[in-house]
């Protein structure tokens, strides 16, 4: 698979380890993260990384920031992205198997290299289980995305105060 890897300054210290795990597993890395610990804005890195998945340049995205929370929030604002929070192995594979996640976010301040490697391996090794219940639920996630986009385009303009 082609994996888009994104990190902000807080995730920089874990980036090379995560990249090594992805490559050791036989995947190609598309690097969309920063190369230093100089402050950058995580929404910009998250969009650049997840956009590679959205456009088909990458199959999945791995995001590393301080806590994972900011990248998770930003990623789930991007059409077509379903991002899970990966601080444990079970959640990492479950997000793919039951929610068809195509991105995972993790916090470099919260998990160390060993857990990060195990999370990445579980996330990249998982496949969507494609049973009737999970297909229906993921379709509902997609419908929520479409419904909220429609509501944004049809909402009346805000009144001036």
N, C-alpha and C. Protein backbone atom coordinates (compact mmCIF):
# COMPACT_ATOMS: atom_id res chain seq x y z
N UNK A 1 0.84 -1.19 0.00
CA UNK A 1 0.00 0.00 0.00
C UNK A 1 0.88 1.24 0.00
N UNK A 2 0.30 2.33 -0.43
CA UNK A 2 0.93 3.64 -0.32
C UNK A 2 0.33 4.33 0.88
N UNK A 3 1.20 4.74 1.81
CA UNK A 3 0.75 5.31 3.08
C UNK A 3 1.23 6.75 3.17
N UNK A 4 0.28 7.68 3.31
CA UNK A 4 0.62 9.08 3.54
C UNK A 4 0.93 9.23 5.03
N UNK A 5 2.09 9.77 5.32
CA UNK A 5 2.53 9.97 6.70
C UNK A 5 2.63 11.46 6.96
N UNK A 6 1.91 11.91 7.98
CA UNK A 6 1.94 13.32 8.33
C UNK A 6 2.23 13.51 9.80
N UNK A 7 3.02 14.51 10.09
CA UNK A 7 3.31 14.85 11.48
C UNK A 7 3.50 16.34 11.61
N UNK A 8 3.10 16.86 12.76
CA UNK A 8 3.41 18.24 13.07
C UNK A 8 4.69 18.26 13.91
N UNK A 9 5.03 19.41 14.44
CA UNK A 9 6.25 19.54 15.24
C UNK A 9 6.25 18.63 16.46
N UNK A 10 5.08 18.44 17.08
CA UNK A 10 4.99 17.59 18.27
C UNK A 10 5.17 16.11 17.94
N UNK A 11 4.87 15.73 16.72
CA UNK A 11 5.03 14.35 16.30
C UNK A 11 6.36 14.06 15.63
N UNK A 12 7.18 15.10 15.47
CA UNK A 12 8.45 14.94 14.75
C UNK A 12 9.36 13.88 15.37
N UNK A 13 9.42 13.81 16.68
CA UNK A 13 10.33 12.87 17.35
C UNK A 13 9.97 11.41 17.07
N UNK A 14 8.71 11.13 16.77
CA UNK A 14 8.27 9.76 16.52
C UNK A 14 8.20 9.43 15.03
N UNK A 15 8.32 10.44 14.19
CA UNK A 15 8.13 10.27 12.75
C UNK A 15 9.04 9.22 12.13
N UNK A 16 10.32 9.28 12.36
CA UNK A 16 11.25 8.34 11.72
C UNK A 16 10.97 6.91 12.13
N UNK A 17 10.60 6.72 13.39
CA UNK A 17 10.26 5.36 13.85
C UNK A 17 9.03 4.85 13.11
N UNK A 18 7.99 5.67 13.03
CA UNK A 18 6.75 5.28 12.36
C UNK A 18 7.03 5.00 10.88
N UNK A 19 7.80 5.85 10.26
CA UNK A 19 8.17 5.64 8.86
C UNK A 19 8.88 4.29 8.69
N UNK A 20 9.81 3.99 9.58
CA UNK A 20 10.53 2.72 9.52
C UNK A 20 9.61 1.52 9.65
N UNK A 21 8.63 1.61 10.53
CA UNK A 21 7.66 0.52 10.70
C UNK A 21 6.87 0.33 9.41
N UNK A 22 6.39 1.42 8.84
CA UNK A 22 5.61 1.34 7.59
C UNK A 22 6.44 0.69 6.49
N UNK A 23 7.68 1.12 6.35
CA UNK A 23 8.54 0.57 5.30
C UNK A 23 8.91 -0.89 5.60
N UNK A 24 9.16 -1.22 6.86
CA UNK A 24 9.47 -2.61 7.22
C UNK A 24 8.33 -3.54 6.87
N UNK A 25 7.10 -3.02 6.93
CA UNK A 25 5.92 -3.81 6.58
C UNK A 25 5.73 -3.91 5.07
N UNK A 26 6.60 -3.26 4.31
CA UNK A 26 6.57 -3.37 2.85
C UNK A 26 5.74 -2.32 2.14
N UNK A 27 5.40 -1.25 2.83
CA UNK A 27 4.57 -0.20 2.23
C UNK A 27 5.43 0.99 1.80
N UNK A 28 4.93 1.71 0.84
CA UNK A 28 5.58 2.95 0.36
C UNK A 28 5.08 4.11 1.21
N UNK A 29 5.97 5.01 1.58
CA UNK A 29 5.61 6.18 2.38
C UNK A 29 5.58 7.42 1.50
N UNK A 30 4.49 8.16 1.61
CA UNK A 30 4.36 9.48 0.99
C UNK A 30 4.42 10.47 2.16
N UNK A 31 5.52 11.17 2.28
CA UNK A 31 5.77 12.03 3.43
C UNK A 31 5.13 13.40 3.24
N UNK A 32 4.19 13.74 4.12
CA UNK A 32 3.52 15.03 4.08
C UNK A 32 3.74 15.81 5.37
N UNK A 33 4.66 15.33 6.21
CA UNK A 33 4.88 15.96 7.51
C UNK A 33 6.06 16.92 7.51
N UNK A 34 6.22 17.57 8.64
CA UNK A 34 7.32 18.51 8.80
C UNK A 34 8.61 17.76 9.12
N UNK A 35 9.72 18.37 8.79
CA UNK A 35 11.03 17.76 9.02
C UNK A 35 11.76 18.36 10.22
N UNK A 36 11.03 19.07 11.07
CA UNK A 36 11.69 19.66 12.24
C UNK A 36 10.68 19.80 13.37
N UNK A 37 11.17 20.28 14.51
CA UNK A 37 10.27 20.52 15.63
C UNK A 37 9.86 21.99 15.72
N UNK A 38 10.10 22.74 14.65
CA UNK A 38 9.62 24.13 14.58
C UNK A 38 8.09 24.11 14.44
N UNK A 39 7.39 24.95 15.19
CA UNK A 39 5.93 24.91 15.18
C UNK A 39 5.31 25.07 13.79
N UNK A 40 4.34 24.20 13.52
CA UNK A 40 3.51 24.26 12.32
C UNK A 40 2.07 24.04 12.76
N UNK A 41 1.13 24.32 11.90
CA UNK A 41 -0.28 24.15 12.23
C UNK A 41 -0.76 22.77 11.81
N UNK A 42 -1.20 21.97 12.78
CA UNK A 42 -1.60 20.59 12.49
C UNK A 42 -2.73 20.49 11.48
N UNK A 43 -3.68 21.43 11.40
CA UNK A 43 -4.72 21.27 10.37
C UNK A 43 -4.14 21.27 8.95
N UNK A 44 -3.09 22.06 8.73
CA UNK A 44 -2.48 22.09 7.40
C UNK A 44 -1.80 20.77 7.07
N UNK A 45 -1.07 20.22 8.02
CA UNK A 45 -0.40 18.93 7.82
C UNK A 45 -1.44 17.83 7.63
N UNK A 46 -2.48 17.86 8.45
CA UNK A 46 -3.53 16.84 8.36
C UNK A 46 -4.20 16.88 7.00
N UNK A 47 -4.53 18.06 6.52
CA UNK A 47 -5.17 18.14 5.20
C UNK A 47 -4.23 17.62 4.11
N UNK A 48 -2.98 18.06 4.12
CA UNK A 48 -2.04 17.62 3.10
C UNK A 48 -1.89 16.09 3.11
N UNK A 49 -1.89 15.50 4.28
CA UNK A 49 -1.73 14.06 4.41
C UNK A 49 -3.00 13.32 3.97
N UNK A 50 -4.13 13.72 4.49
CA UNK A 50 -5.39 13.04 4.17
C UNK A 50 -5.86 13.32 2.75
N UNK A 51 -5.48 14.45 2.20
CA UNK A 51 -5.84 14.74 0.81
C UNK A 51 -5.24 13.71 -0.14
N UNK A 52 -4.07 13.17 0.22
CA UNK A 52 -3.46 12.13 -0.61
C UNK A 52 -4.35 10.88 -0.63
N UNK A 53 -5.05 10.59 0.46
CA UNK A 53 -5.98 9.47 0.50
C UNK A 53 -7.23 9.82 -0.29
N UNK A 54 -7.74 11.00 -0.06
CA UNK A 54 -8.98 11.44 -0.72
C UNK A 54 -8.86 11.43 -2.24
N UNK A 55 -7.68 11.79 -2.73
CA UNK A 55 -7.48 11.86 -4.19
C UNK A 55 -7.00 10.55 -4.80
N UNK A 56 -6.70 9.55 -3.96
CA UNK A 56 -6.25 8.27 -4.47
C UNK A 56 -4.75 8.12 -4.60
N UNK A 57 -4.00 9.15 -4.23
CA UNK A 57 -2.54 9.06 -4.29
C UNK A 57 -2.02 8.07 -3.22
N UNK A 58 -2.73 7.98 -2.09
CA UNK A 58 -2.36 7.06 -1.01
C UNK A 58 -3.57 6.21 -0.67
N UNK A 59 -3.30 5.05 -0.09
CA UNK A 59 -4.37 4.14 0.32
C UNK A 59 -4.88 4.45 1.73
N UNK A 60 -3.96 4.83 2.61
CA UNK A 60 -4.30 5.17 3.99
C UNK A 60 -3.38 6.27 4.48
N UNK A 61 -3.76 6.87 5.60
CA UNK A 61 -2.95 7.94 6.20
C UNK A 61 -2.64 7.60 7.65
N UNK A 62 -1.43 7.94 8.07
CA UNK A 62 -1.00 7.83 9.46
C UNK A 62 -0.59 9.23 9.90
N UNK A 63 -1.22 9.71 10.96
CA UNK A 63 -1.00 11.07 11.47
C UNK A 63 -0.39 11.00 12.85
N UNK A 64 0.67 11.79 13.08
CA UNK A 64 1.32 11.82 14.38
C UNK A 64 1.43 13.27 14.83
N UNK A 65 0.75 13.57 15.94
CA UNK A 65 0.87 14.91 16.53
C UNK A 65 1.11 14.72 18.03
N UNK A 66 0.90 15.72 18.83
CA UNK A 66 1.17 15.62 20.25
C UNK A 66 0.27 14.63 20.96
N UNK A 67 -1.04 14.81 20.82
CA UNK A 67 -2.01 13.93 21.49
C UNK A 67 -2.80 13.06 20.52
N UNK A 68 -2.78 13.39 19.25
CA UNK A 68 -3.61 12.70 18.27
C UNK A 68 -4.98 13.33 18.14
N UNK A 69 -5.42 14.07 19.15
CA UNK A 69 -6.77 14.62 19.15
C UNK A 69 -6.98 15.68 18.07
N UNK A 70 -6.04 16.59 17.93
CA UNK A 70 -6.20 17.64 16.92
C UNK A 70 -6.20 17.08 15.52
N UNK A 71 -5.28 16.17 15.22
CA UNK A 71 -5.24 15.55 13.90
C UNK A 71 -6.52 14.76 13.64
N UNK A 72 -7.02 14.07 14.65
CA UNK A 72 -8.26 13.31 14.53
C UNK A 72 -9.41 14.23 14.15
N UNK A 73 -9.54 15.35 14.87
CA UNK A 73 -10.63 16.29 14.58
C UNK A 73 -10.50 16.87 13.19
N UNK A 74 -9.30 17.28 12.82
CA UNK A 74 -9.09 17.87 11.50
C UNK A 74 -9.37 16.85 10.41
N UNK A 75 -8.87 15.63 10.57
CA UNK A 75 -9.05 14.60 9.55
C UNK A 75 -10.52 14.30 9.31
N UNK A 76 -11.29 14.23 10.37
CA UNK A 76 -12.70 13.88 10.23
C UNK A 76 -13.56 15.02 9.69
N UNK A 77 -12.96 16.17 9.44
CA UNK A 77 -13.64 17.27 8.76
C UNK A 77 -13.45 17.18 7.24
N UNK A 78 -12.57 16.29 6.79
CA UNK A 78 -12.24 16.19 5.37
C UNK A 78 -13.14 15.14 4.73
N UNK A 79 -13.84 15.54 3.69
CA UNK A 79 -14.75 14.63 2.99
C UNK A 79 -14.02 13.36 2.58
N UNK A 80 -14.65 12.23 2.87
CA UNK A 80 -14.10 10.94 2.47
C UNK A 80 -13.10 10.34 3.44
N UNK A 81 -12.77 11.05 4.50
CA UNK A 81 -11.81 10.54 5.48
C UNK A 81 -12.56 10.06 6.72
N UNK A 82 -12.19 8.87 7.16
CA UNK A 82 -12.70 8.30 8.41
C UNK A 82 -11.47 7.96 9.24
N UNK A 83 -11.21 8.78 10.24
CA UNK A 83 -9.99 8.66 11.03
C UNK A 83 -10.30 8.17 12.43
N UNK A 84 -9.53 7.17 12.85
CA UNK A 84 -9.64 6.66 14.21
C UNK A 84 -8.48 7.15 15.05
N UNK A 85 -8.66 7.06 16.37
CA UNK A 85 -7.59 7.42 17.29
C UNK A 85 -6.86 6.14 17.67
N UNK A 86 -5.56 6.11 17.45
CA UNK A 86 -4.80 4.88 17.62
C UNK A 86 -3.81 4.92 18.76
N UNK A 87 -4.29 4.75 19.96
CA UNK A 87 -3.39 4.67 21.11
C UNK A 87 -3.30 3.26 21.67
N UNK A 88 -4.01 2.34 21.04
CA UNK A 88 -3.94 0.93 21.43
C UNK A 88 -4.20 0.08 20.19
N UNK A 89 -3.74 -1.14 20.24
CA UNK A 89 -3.82 -2.05 19.09
C UNK A 89 -5.26 -2.38 18.74
N UNK A 90 -6.09 -2.65 19.73
CA UNK A 90 -7.47 -3.03 19.47
C UNK A 90 -8.20 -1.94 18.68
N UNK A 91 -8.11 -0.70 19.15
CA UNK A 91 -8.79 0.41 18.45
C UNK A 91 -8.25 0.59 17.04
N UNK A 92 -6.97 0.37 16.85
CA UNK A 92 -6.37 0.56 15.53
C UNK A 92 -6.94 -0.39 14.50
N UNK A 93 -7.07 -1.67 14.85
CA UNK A 93 -7.62 -2.60 13.86
C UNK A 93 -9.14 -2.54 13.82
N UNK A 94 -9.76 -2.28 14.95
CA UNK A 94 -11.23 -2.20 15.00
C UNK A 94 -11.76 -1.04 14.16
N UNK A 95 -11.02 0.07 14.14
CA UNK A 95 -11.45 1.23 13.33
C UNK A 95 -11.54 0.87 11.86
N UNK A 96 -10.63 0.04 11.39
CA UNK A 96 -10.67 -0.40 9.99
C UNK A 96 -11.75 -1.46 9.81
N UNK A 97 -11.74 -2.48 10.66
CA UNK A 97 -12.64 -3.62 10.49
C UNK A 97 -14.11 -3.23 10.57
N UNK A 98 -14.47 -2.35 11.50
CA UNK A 98 -15.89 -2.02 11.71
C UNK A 98 -16.30 -0.64 11.21
N UNK A 99 -15.34 0.26 11.01
CA UNK A 99 -15.69 1.63 10.62
C UNK A 99 -15.07 2.04 9.30
N UNK A 100 -14.34 1.13 8.66
CA UNK A 100 -13.69 1.38 7.38
C UNK A 100 -12.78 2.61 7.43
N UNK A 101 -12.06 2.76 8.56
CA UNK A 101 -11.14 3.89 8.71
C UNK A 101 -10.06 3.83 7.65
N UNK A 102 -9.75 4.99 7.10
CA UNK A 102 -8.66 5.08 6.13
C UNK A 102 -7.54 5.99 6.65
N UNK A 103 -7.67 6.39 7.90
CA UNK A 103 -6.64 7.20 8.55
C UNK A 103 -6.62 6.86 10.03
N UNK A 104 -5.46 7.02 10.63
CA UNK A 104 -5.30 6.81 12.07
C UNK A 104 -4.46 7.96 12.61
N UNK A 105 -4.83 8.45 13.78
CA UNK A 105 -4.08 9.52 14.43
C UNK A 105 -3.55 9.01 15.76
N UNK A 106 -2.32 9.38 16.08
CA UNK A 106 -1.74 8.99 17.35
C UNK A 106 -0.96 10.14 17.95
N UNK A 107 -0.85 10.10 19.27
CA UNK A 107 -0.16 11.16 19.99
C UNK A 107 1.23 10.74 20.43
N UNK A 108 2.22 11.41 19.91
CA UNK A 108 3.61 11.09 20.26
C UNK A 108 3.90 11.35 21.73
N UNK A 109 3.15 12.26 22.36
CA UNK A 109 3.35 12.54 23.78
C UNK A 109 2.72 11.47 24.66
N UNK A 110 1.86 10.63 24.07
CA UNK A 110 1.09 9.67 24.86
C UNK A 110 1.54 8.23 24.69
N UNK A 111 2.09 7.89 23.53
CA UNK A 111 2.53 6.52 23.30
C UNK A 111 3.98 6.54 22.85
N UNK A 112 4.70 5.54 23.21
CA UNK A 112 6.11 5.46 22.82
C UNK A 112 6.28 4.69 21.52
N UNK A 113 7.52 4.50 21.12
CA UNK A 113 7.81 3.82 19.86
C UNK A 113 7.25 2.40 19.77
N UNK A 114 7.33 1.63 20.83
CA UNK A 114 6.85 0.24 20.77
C UNK A 114 5.35 0.20 20.50
N UNK A 115 4.57 1.00 21.23
CA UNK A 115 3.12 1.01 21.01
C UNK A 115 2.78 1.62 19.66
N UNK A 116 3.49 2.67 19.27
CA UNK A 116 3.23 3.28 17.96
C UNK A 116 3.45 2.25 16.85
N UNK A 117 4.51 1.47 16.94
CA UNK A 117 4.76 0.45 15.94
C UNK A 117 3.66 -0.60 15.90
N UNK A 118 3.22 -1.03 17.07
CA UNK A 118 2.15 -2.03 17.14
C UNK A 118 0.83 -1.47 16.60
N UNK A 119 0.55 -0.21 16.88
CA UNK A 119 -0.67 0.44 16.37
C UNK A 119 -0.63 0.53 14.85
N UNK A 120 0.50 0.97 14.30
CA UNK A 120 0.62 1.09 12.85
C UNK A 120 0.48 -0.28 12.19
N UNK A 121 1.11 -1.27 12.77
CA UNK A 121 1.03 -2.63 12.20
C UNK A 121 -0.42 -3.14 12.23
N UNK A 122 -1.12 -2.93 13.33
CA UNK A 122 -2.52 -3.37 13.44
C UNK A 122 -3.41 -2.62 12.45
N UNK A 123 -3.20 -1.31 12.34
CA UNK A 123 -4.00 -0.49 11.43
C UNK A 123 -3.78 -0.90 9.97
N UNK A 124 -2.52 -1.06 9.58
CA UNK A 124 -2.24 -1.39 8.18
C UNK A 124 -2.54 -2.84 7.84
N UNK A 125 -2.57 -3.71 8.84
CA UNK A 125 -2.87 -5.11 8.59
C UNK A 125 -4.35 -5.44 8.60
N UNK A 126 -5.17 -4.51 9.03
CA UNK A 126 -6.61 -4.76 9.16
C UNK A 126 -7.33 -4.53 7.83
N UNK A 127 -8.43 -5.27 7.68
CA UNK A 127 -9.30 -5.08 6.51
C UNK A 127 -10.74 -4.91 6.98
N UNK A 128 -11.49 -4.18 6.22
CA UNK A 128 -12.91 -3.95 6.50
C UNK A 128 -13.63 -5.29 6.44
N UNK A 129 -14.45 -5.60 7.44
CA UNK A 129 -15.08 -6.92 7.46
C UNK A 129 -16.25 -7.06 6.50
N UNK A 130 -16.78 -5.95 6.01
CA UNK A 130 -17.73 -5.95 4.90
C UNK A 130 -18.99 -6.78 5.15
N UNK A 131 -19.37 -6.97 6.42
CA UNK A 131 -20.63 -7.68 6.64
C UNK A 131 -21.79 -6.68 6.57
N UNK A 132 -22.99 -7.19 6.56
CA UNK A 132 -24.18 -6.35 6.35
C UNK A 132 -24.27 -5.21 7.35
N UNK A 133 -24.01 -5.49 8.63
CA UNK A 133 -24.13 -4.45 9.66
C UNK A 133 -23.09 -3.35 9.48
N UNK A 134 -21.84 -3.73 9.24
CA UNK A 134 -20.80 -2.70 9.11
C UNK A 134 -20.97 -1.90 7.83
N UNK A 135 -21.38 -2.54 6.75
CA UNK A 135 -21.62 -1.81 5.50
C UNK A 135 -22.72 -0.79 5.71
N UNK A 136 -23.80 -1.18 6.39
CA UNK A 136 -24.91 -0.26 6.65
C UNK A 136 -24.45 0.92 7.51
N UNK A 137 -23.65 0.64 8.53
CA UNK A 137 -23.20 1.71 9.44
C UNK A 137 -22.24 2.67 8.75
N UNK A 138 -21.35 2.16 7.95
CA UNK A 138 -20.43 3.04 7.22
C UNK A 138 -21.21 3.86 6.19
N UNK A 139 -22.22 3.29 5.58
CA UNK A 139 -23.07 4.06 4.66
C UNK A 139 -23.75 5.21 5.41
N UNK A 140 -24.13 4.97 6.65
CA UNK A 140 -24.74 6.04 7.45
C UNK A 140 -23.73 7.13 7.78
N UNK A 141 -22.46 6.74 8.01
CA UNK A 141 -21.42 7.76 8.20
C UNK A 141 -21.30 8.63 6.96
N UNK A 142 -21.31 7.99 5.81
CA UNK A 142 -21.22 8.73 4.54
C UNK A 142 -22.44 9.65 4.38
N UNK A 143 -23.60 9.17 4.74
CA UNK A 143 -24.82 9.99 4.65
C UNK A 143 -24.74 11.20 5.59
N UNK A 144 -24.19 11.02 6.79
CA UNK A 144 -24.01 12.17 7.69
C UNK A 144 -23.13 13.23 7.05
N UNK A 145 -22.07 12.79 6.39
CA UNK A 145 -21.17 13.71 5.71
C UNK A 145 -21.91 14.48 4.61
N UNK A 146 -22.69 13.77 3.80
CA UNK A 146 -23.44 14.41 2.72
C UNK A 146 -24.52 15.33 3.26
N UNK A 147 -25.22 14.89 4.31
CA UNK A 147 -26.30 15.69 4.89
C UNK A 147 -25.75 17.00 5.46
N UNK A 148 -24.65 16.93 6.18
CA UNK A 148 -24.11 18.16 6.76
C UNK A 148 -23.59 19.09 5.67
N UNK A 149 -23.04 18.54 4.59
CA UNK A 149 -22.59 19.38 3.48
C UNK A 149 -23.77 20.07 2.82
N UNK A 150 -24.88 19.33 2.64
CA UNK A 150 -26.08 19.94 2.05
C UNK A 150 -26.62 21.05 2.94
N UNK A 151 -26.63 20.81 4.25
CA UNK A 151 -27.15 21.81 5.17
C UNK A 151 -26.29 23.07 5.17
N UNK A 152 -25.00 22.92 5.00
CA UNK A 152 -24.12 24.08 4.92
C UNK A 152 -24.42 24.92 3.69
N UNK A 153 -24.74 24.26 2.58
CA UNK A 153 -24.98 25.01 1.34
C UNK A 153 -26.38 25.59 1.27
N UNK A 154 -27.31 25.07 2.09
CA UNK A 154 -28.69 25.57 2.04
C UNK A 154 -29.06 26.40 3.25
N UNK A 155 -28.14 26.55 4.21
CA UNK A 155 -28.44 27.31 5.42
C UNK A 155 -28.60 28.79 5.08
N UNK A 156 -29.59 29.45 5.71
CA UNK A 156 -29.74 30.88 5.47
C UNK A 156 -28.52 31.64 6.00
N UNK A 157 -28.20 32.78 5.40
CA UNK A 157 -27.07 33.56 5.90
C UNK A 157 -27.32 34.01 7.33
N UNK A 158 -26.26 34.11 8.10
CA UNK A 158 -26.36 34.58 9.48
C UNK A 158 -26.78 36.03 9.53
N UNK A 159 -27.62 36.35 10.49
CA UNK A 159 -28.07 37.73 10.64
C UNK A 159 -26.95 38.57 11.23
N UNK A 160 -26.83 39.81 10.77
CA UNK A 160 -25.83 40.72 11.35
C UNK A 160 -26.31 41.16 12.71
N UNK A 161 -25.37 41.22 13.66
CA UNK A 161 -25.77 41.65 15.00
C UNK A 161 -25.34 43.04 15.29
